C-alpha atoms as a PDB file:
ATOM      1  CA  MET A   1      98.887  96.980 100.621  1.00  0.00           C
ATOM      2  CA  LEU A   2     101.714  99.523 100.608  1.00  0.00           C
ATOM      3  CA  ILE A   3     103.152 100.250  96.734  1.00  0.00           C
ATOM      4  CA  LEU A   4     106.029 102.883  96.824  1.00  0.00           C
ATOM      5  CA  GLY A   5     107.206 105.001  93.860  1.00  0.00           C
ATOM      6  CA  ASN A   6     110.416 105.964  96.129  1.00  0.00           C
ATOM      7  CA  VAL A   7     111.148 103.021  98.265  1.00  0.00           C
ATOM      8  CA  MET A   8     113.074 104.650 100.754  1.00  0.00           C
ATOM      9  CA  LYS A   9     110.852 106.700 102.510  1.00  0.00           C
ATOM     10  CA  THR A  10     110.515 107.025 106.259  1.00  0.00           C
ATOM     11  CA  LEU A  11     107.720 106.390 109.013  1.00  0.00           C
ATOM     12  CA  ASN A  12     108.396 109.080 112.195  1.00  0.00           C
ATOM     13  CA  THR A  13     107.719 106.923 115.542  1.00  0.00           C
ATOM     14  CA  ASN A  14     108.891 108.510 118.521  1.00  0.00           C
ATOM     15  CA  LYS A  15     111.244 110.563 116.771  1.00  0.00           C
ATOM     16  CA  GLN A  16     113.027 107.745 115.130  1.00  0.00           C
ATOM     17  CA  ASP A  17     113.112 107.278 111.360  1.00  0.00           C
ATOM     18  CA  THR A  18     112.483 103.694 110.121  1.00  0.00           C
ATOM     19  CA  PRO A  19     112.452 103.044 106.765  1.00  0.00           C
ATOM     20  CA  LEU A  20     109.330 101.720 105.452  1.00  0.00           C
ATOM     21  CA  LYS A  21     109.765  98.096 103.982  1.00  0.00           C
ATOM     22  CA  PRO A  22     106.920  97.749 100.837  1.00  0.00           C
ATOM     23  CA  GLU A  23     104.904  95.038 100.027  1.00  0.00           C
ATOM     24  CA  TRP A  24     104.963  95.098  96.416  1.00  0.00           C
ATOM     25  CA  VAL A  25     107.347  96.241  93.891  1.00  0.00           C
ATOM     26  CA  ARG A  26     108.104  96.683  90.477  1.00  0.00           C
ATOM     27  CA  PRO A  27     110.586  94.920  88.376  1.00  0.00           C
ATOM     28  CA  ALA A  28     112.846  97.692  88.176  1.00  0.00           C
ATOM     29  CA  GLN A  29     112.820  98.347  91.707  1.00  0.00           C
ATOM     30  CA  ALA A  30     113.466  94.904  92.608  1.00  0.00           C
ATOM     31  CA  THR A  31     116.663  95.028  90.570  1.00  0.00           C
ATOM     32  CA  GLN A  32     117.971  98.222  92.428  1.00  0.00           C
ATOM     33  CA  ILE A  33     117.070  97.116  95.440  1.00  0.00           C
ATOM     34  CA  PHE A  34     118.232  93.399  95.221  1.00  0.00           C
ATOM     35  CA  GLY A  35     120.823  93.884  92.705  1.00  0.00           C
ATOM     36  CA  ILE A  36     119.591  91.067  90.507  1.00  0.00           C
ATOM     37  CA  GLY A  37     119.381  91.981  86.905  1.00  0.00           C
ATOM     38  CA  ARG A  38     115.831  92.473  84.977  1.00  0.00           C
ATOM     39  CA  THR A  39     116.302  89.377  82.973  1.00  0.00           C
ATOM     40  CA  ARG A  40     117.004  87.246  86.471  1.00  0.00           C
ATOM     41  CA  ILE A  41     113.501  88.804  88.037  1.00  0.00           C
ATOM     42  CA  TYR A  42     111.706  87.670  84.949  1.00  0.00           C
ATOM     43  CA  GLU A  43     112.844  84.479  84.803  1.00  0.00           C
ATOM     44  CA  LEU A  44     112.028  83.726  88.641  1.00  0.00           C
ATOM     45  CA  ILE A  45     108.616  85.028  87.766  1.00  0.00           C
ATOM     46  CA  ALA A  46     108.539  82.185  84.710  1.00  0.00           C
ATOM     47  CA  GLU A  47     109.785  79.737  87.019  1.00  0.00           C
ATOM     48  CA  GLY A  48     107.382  80.410  89.786  1.00  0.00           C
ATOM     49  CA  LYS A  49     109.753  80.968  92.284  1.00  0.00           C
ATOM     50  CA  ILE A  50     108.664  84.145  93.240  1.00  0.00           C
ATOM     51  CA  LYS A  51     104.968  85.543  94.031  1.00  0.00           C
ATOM     52  CA  THR A  52     104.001  87.977  91.667  1.00  0.00           C
ATOM     53  CA  ALA A  53     100.739  90.218  90.650  1.00  0.00           C
ATOM     54  CA  SER A  54      99.414  91.495  87.464  1.00  0.00           C
ATOM     55  CA  ILE A  55      97.259  94.276  87.384  1.00  0.00           C
ATOM     56  CA  LYS A  56      95.399  95.129  84.041  1.00  0.00           C
ATOM     57  CA  PRO A  57      92.348  95.736  82.727  1.00  0.00           C
ATOM     58  CA  ARG A  58      90.005  93.165  81.734  1.00  0.00           C
ATOM     59  CA  GLY A  59      90.807  91.884  77.972  1.00  0.00           C
ATOM     60  CA  THR A  60      94.131  93.695  77.415  1.00  0.00           C
ATOM     61  CA  ALA A  61      97.586  92.512  76.788  1.00  0.00           C
ATOM     62  CA  ARG A  62      99.606  94.673  79.138  1.00  0.00           C
ATOM     63  CA  GLY A  63      99.423  95.664  82.889  1.00  0.00           C
ATOM     64  CA  THR A  64     101.807  96.254  85.532  1.00  0.00           C
ATOM     65  CA  ARG A  65     103.807  93.540  87.378  1.00  0.00           C
ATOM     66  CA  LEU A  66     104.412  93.615  90.798  1.00  0.00           C
ATOM     67  CA  ILE A  67     106.582  91.770  92.803  1.00  0.00           C
ATOM     68  CA  SER A  68     106.275  90.585  96.537  1.00  0.00           C
ATOM     69  CA  TYR A  69     109.473  91.829  98.424  1.00  0.00           C
ATOM     70  CA  ASP A  70     109.008  89.295 100.873  1.00  0.00           C
ATOM     71  CA  SER A  71     108.670  86.394  98.382  1.00  0.00           C
ATOM     72  CA  LEU A  72     111.753  87.837  96.688  1.00  0.00           C
ATOM     73  CA  ALA A  73     113.741  88.207  99.654  1.00  0.00           C
ATOM     74  CA  ALA A  74     113.172  84.597 100.709  1.00  0.00           C
ATOM     75  CA  PHE A  75     113.924  83.489  97.670  1.00  0.00           C
ATOM     76  CA  ILE A  76     117.337  85.220  98.309  1.00  0.00           C
ATOM     77  CA  ASP A  77     117.561  83.916 101.958  1.00  0.00           C
ATOM     78  CA  SER A  78     117.239  80.295 100.909  1.00  0.00           C
ATOM     79  CA  HIS A  79     120.664  80.895  98.844  1.00  0.00           C
ATOM     80  CA  ILE A  80     122.524  81.922 101.310  1.00  0.00           C
ATOM     81  CA  GLU A  81     125.845  80.024 101.334  1.00  0.00           C
ATOM     82  CA  GLY A  82     127.947  79.484 104.612  1.00  0.00           C
ATOM     83  CA  GLU A  83     127.544  80.178 108.228  1.00  0.00           C
ATOM     84  CA  VAL A  84     126.699  83.379 110.003  1.00  0.00           C
ATOM     85  CA  ALA A  85     128.848  84.437 112.745  1.00  0.00           C
END
């Protein structure tokens, strides 16, 4: 599992810089990466349209919410309009 605080880290493979895609992002990172507002991110979570995980100690109300990068990207891809040339 890869969780990045700085999403645009690179991996040097065969002297080429390849951006790493995180598996999970926080809601604030998702808004920056995908250009979707914070409110809409939480609406998608509430509607069950994207995969998330909540990391918190047992019995506590607050924790860390993580969003699946692939899940959010797939949701956006499913709303593409028009044909690709």
